[in-house]
Amino acid sequence: MASSTPLPYTAVAVVPLVWAGVESVRAIRAMSGGRAPTRGIVWSVVGLVMVCTLTVVVLLPYAVYGPAKGLQDCTNGANTAVAMAECKSHFNGGLPSFLGGVSRTGR
């Protein structure tokens, strides 16, 4: 549900992911101290890896927040298919067009 919200509000998805990560670590610690089956520990570790991956996916747009927010605003404001295609072509033009000149130095 949080993934469908606009960009600044997608960070809300991190809260349940952190909670799931903490609970996974607690479960792994509890199982490794006793005589728990190895299968349960393995599946808990798999769950923890999935939680970490989802957290990275949620936080990745914040690494390039300016361009990602610009693309979101462009596509939200596009009223026609031509305008939508222009936004997508600017985004799909590669990293230099996506970053919008951020990587240019000395000019």
C-alpha atoms as a PDB file:
ATOM      1  CA  MET A   1       0.000   0.000   0.000  1.00  0.00           C
ATOM      2  CA  ALA A   2       2.839   2.400   0.787  1.00  0.00           C
ATOM      3  CA  SER A   3       4.465   1.764  -2.593  1.00  0.00           C
ATOM      4  CA  SER A   4       1.532   3.397  -4.368  1.00  0.00           C
ATOM      5  CA  THR A   5       1.911   6.655  -2.448  1.00  0.00           C
ATOM      6  CA  PRO A   6       3.896   9.624  -3.826  1.00  0.00           C
ATOM      7  CA  LEU A   7       7.652   9.598  -3.342  1.00  0.00           C
ATOM      8  CA  PRO A   8       8.164  11.379  -0.033  1.00  0.00           C
ATOM      9  CA  TYR A   9       5.600   9.151   1.663  1.00  0.00           C
ATOM     10  CA  THR A  10       6.948   5.791   0.484  1.00  0.00           C
ATOM     11  CA  ALA A  11       9.382   5.834   3.396  1.00  0.00           C
ATOM     12  CA  VAL A  12       6.452   4.807   5.595  1.00  0.00           C
ATOM     13  CA  ALA A  13       6.974   1.284   4.236  1.00  0.00           C
ATOM     14  CA  VAL A  14      10.283   1.104   6.107  1.00  0.00           C
ATOM     15  CA  VAL A  15       8.544   1.016   9.500  1.00  0.00           C
ATOM     16  CA  PRO A  16       6.968  -2.455   9.152  1.00  0.00           C
ATOM     17  CA  LEU A  17      10.099  -3.686   7.361  1.00  0.00           C
ATOM     18  CA  VAL A  18      12.305  -2.665  10.283  1.00  0.00           C
ATOM     19  CA  TRP A  19       9.872  -4.329  12.657  1.00  0.00           C
ATOM     20  CA  ALA A  20       9.959  -7.515  10.562  1.00  0.00           C
ATOM     21  CA  GLY A  21      13.752  -7.403  10.508  1.00  0.00           C
ATOM     22  CA  VAL A  22      13.971  -7.056  14.281  1.00  0.00           C
ATOM     23  CA  GLU A  23      11.536  -9.921  14.782  1.00  0.00           C
ATOM     24  CA  SER A  24      13.472 -12.084  12.316  1.00  0.00           C
ATOM     25  CA  VAL A  25      16.716 -11.478  14.174  1.00  0.00           C
ATOM     26  CA  ARG A  26      15.020 -12.267  17.485  1.00  0.00           C
ATOM     27  CA  ALA A  27      13.602 -15.499  16.046  1.00  0.00           C
ATOM     28  CA  ILE A  28      16.981 -16.548  14.667  1.00  0.00           C
ATOM     29  CA  ARG A  29      18.635 -15.920  18.018  1.00  0.00           C
ATOM     30  CA  ALA A  30      15.937 -17.824  19.874  1.00  0.00           C
ATOM     31  CA  MET A  31      16.118 -20.799  17.543  1.00  0.00           C
ATOM     32  CA  SER A  32      19.891 -20.972  17.396  1.00  0.00           C
ATOM     33  CA  GLY A  33      20.159 -21.158  21.183  1.00  0.00           C
ATOM     34  CA  GLY A  34      17.946 -24.212  21.497  1.00  0.00           C
ATOM     35  CA  ARG A  35      17.383 -27.448  19.644  1.00  0.00           C
ATOM     36  CA  ALA A  36      15.373 -25.915  16.809  1.00  0.00           C
ATOM     37  CA  PRO A  37      15.456 -27.607  13.419  1.00  0.00           C
ATOM     38  CA  THR A  38      17.945 -26.170  10.971  1.00  0.00           C
ATOM     39  CA  ARG A  39      15.162 -25.753   8.424  1.00  0.00           C
ATOM     40  CA  GLY A  40      13.450 -23.153  10.636  1.00  0.00           C
ATOM     41  CA  ILE A  41      16.643 -21.172  11.057  1.00  0.00           C
ATOM     42  CA  VAL A  42      17.324 -21.253   7.309  1.00  0.00           C
ATOM     43  CA  TRP A  43      13.832 -19.984   6.490  1.00  0.00           C
ATOM     44  CA  SER A  44      14.192 -17.219   9.074  1.00  0.00           C
ATOM     45  CA  VAL A  45      17.447 -16.150   7.453  1.00  0.00           C
ATOM     46  CA  VAL A  46      15.765 -16.225   4.028  1.00  0.00           C
ATOM     47  CA  GLY A  47      13.008 -14.005   5.432  1.00  0.00           C
ATOM     48  CA  LEU A  48      15.579 -11.612   6.860  1.00  0.00           C
ATOM     49  CA  VAL A  49      17.326 -11.376   3.477  1.00  0.00           C
ATOM     50  CA  MET A  50      13.980 -10.619   1.826  1.00  0.00           C
ATOM     51  CA  VAL A  51      13.232  -7.905   4.390  1.00  0.00           C
ATOM     52  CA  CYS A  52      16.643  -6.333   3.792  1.00  0.00           C
ATOM     53  CA  THR A  53      16.113  -6.451   0.018  1.00  0.00           C
ATOM     54  CA  LEU A  54      12.701  -4.817   0.276  1.00  0.00           C
ATOM     55  CA  THR A  55      14.134  -2.114   2.526  1.00  0.00           C
ATOM     56  CA  VAL A  56      16.810  -1.338  -0.057  1.00  0.00           C
ATOM     57  CA  VAL A  57      14.181  -1.225  -2.825  1.00  0.00           C
ATOM     58  CA  VAL A  58      12.054   1.204  -0.804  1.00  0.00           C
ATOM     59  CA  LEU A  59      14.998   3.459   0.051  1.00  0.00           C
ATOM     60  CA  LEU A  60      16.716   3.343  -3.366  1.00  0.00           C
ATOM     61  CA  PRO A  61      14.731   6.252  -4.905  1.00  0.00           C
ATOM     62  CA  TYR A  62      15.973   8.475  -2.089  1.00  0.00           C
ATOM     63  CA  ALA A  63      19.553   8.024  -3.357  1.00  0.00           C
ATOM     64  CA  VAL A  64      18.538  10.051  -6.429  1.00  0.00           C
ATOM     65  CA  TYR A  65      15.633  11.920  -4.861  1.00  0.00           C
ATOM     66  CA  GLY A  66      15.721  15.030  -7.044  1.00  0.00           C
ATOM     67  CA  PRO A  67      15.586  13.301 -10.419  1.00  0.00           C
ATOM     68  CA  ALA A  68      13.183  10.614  -9.180  1.00  0.00           C
ATOM     69  CA  LYS A  69      10.821  13.246  -7.775  1.00  0.00           C
ATOM     70  CA  GLY A  70      11.117  15.213 -11.021  1.00  0.00           C
ATOM     71  CA  LEU A  71      10.144  12.148 -13.043  1.00  0.00           C
ATOM     72  CA  GLN A  72       7.212  11.473 -10.727  1.00  0.00           C
ATOM     73  CA  ASP A  73       6.002  15.065 -11.002  1.00  0.00           C
ATOM     74  CA  CYS A  74       6.451  15.002 -14.782  1.00  0.00           C
ATOM     75  CA  THR A  75       4.426  11.821 -15.242  1.00  0.00           C
ATOM     76  CA  ASN A  76       1.750  12.963 -12.796  1.00  0.00           C
ATOM     77  CA  GLY A  77       1.380  16.253 -14.675  1.00  0.00           C
ATOM     78  CA  ALA A  78       1.343  14.692 -18.135  1.00  0.00           C
ATOM     79  CA  ASN A  79      -2.137  15.102 -19.617  1.00  0.00           C
ATOM     80  CA  THR A  80      -1.492  13.476 -22.974  1.00  0.00           C
ATOM     81  CA  ALA A  81       0.220  10.368 -24.248  1.00  0.00           C
ATOM     82  CA  VAL A  82       2.810  12.565 -25.974  1.00  0.00           C
ATOM     83  CA  ALA A  83       3.673  14.305 -22.717  1.00  0.00           C
ATOM     84  CA  MET A  84       3.900  10.958 -20.928  1.00  0.00           C
ATOM     85  CA  ALA A  85       6.194   9.642 -23.671  1.00  0.00           C
ATOM     86  CA  GLU A  86       8.396  12.730 -23.335  1.00  0.00           C
ATOM     87  CA  CYS A  87       8.758  12.151 -19.595  1.00  0.00           C
ATOM     88  CA  LYS A  88       9.610   8.496 -20.121  1.00  0.00           C
ATOM     89  CA  SER A  89      12.071   9.236 -22.943  1.00  0.00           C
ATOM     90  CA  HIS A  90      13.865  11.730 -20.720  1.00  0.00           C
ATOM     91  CA  PHE A  91      14.074   9.068 -18.009  1.00  0.00           C
ATOM     92  CA  ASN A  92      15.046   6.266 -20.409  1.00  0.00           C
ATOM     93  CA  GLY A  93      17.696   8.455 -22.058  1.00  0.00           C
ATOM     94  CA  GLY A  94      20.292   7.013 -19.719  1.00  0.00           C
ATOM     95  CA  LEU A  95      21.917   8.058 -16.503  1.00  0.00           C
ATOM     96  CA  PRO A  96      23.192  11.455 -17.745  1.00  0.00           C
ATOM     97  CA  SER A  97      19.722  12.597 -18.809  1.00  0.00           C
ATOM     98  CA  PHE A  98      18.175  11.159 -15.648  1.00  0.00           C
ATOM     99  CA  LEU A  99      20.616  12.999 -13.407  1.00  0.00           C
ATOM    100  CA  GLY A 100      19.997  16.173 -15.362  1.00  0.00           C
ATOM    101  CA  GLY A 101      23.584  17.359 -15.504  1.00  0.00           C
ATOM    102  CA  VAL A 102      24.476  16.589 -11.902  1.00  0.00           C
ATOM    103  CA  SER A 103      27.552  14.699 -13.065  1.00  0.00           C
ATOM    104  CA  ARG A 104      28.877  17.616 -15.129  1.00  0.00           C
ATOM    105  CA  THR A 105      31.779  19.285 -13.399  1.00  0.00           C
ATOM    106  CA  GLY A 106      33.829  22.252 -14.420  1.00  0.00           C
ATOM    107  CA  ARG A 107      31.328  23.687 -16.903  1.00  0.00           C
END
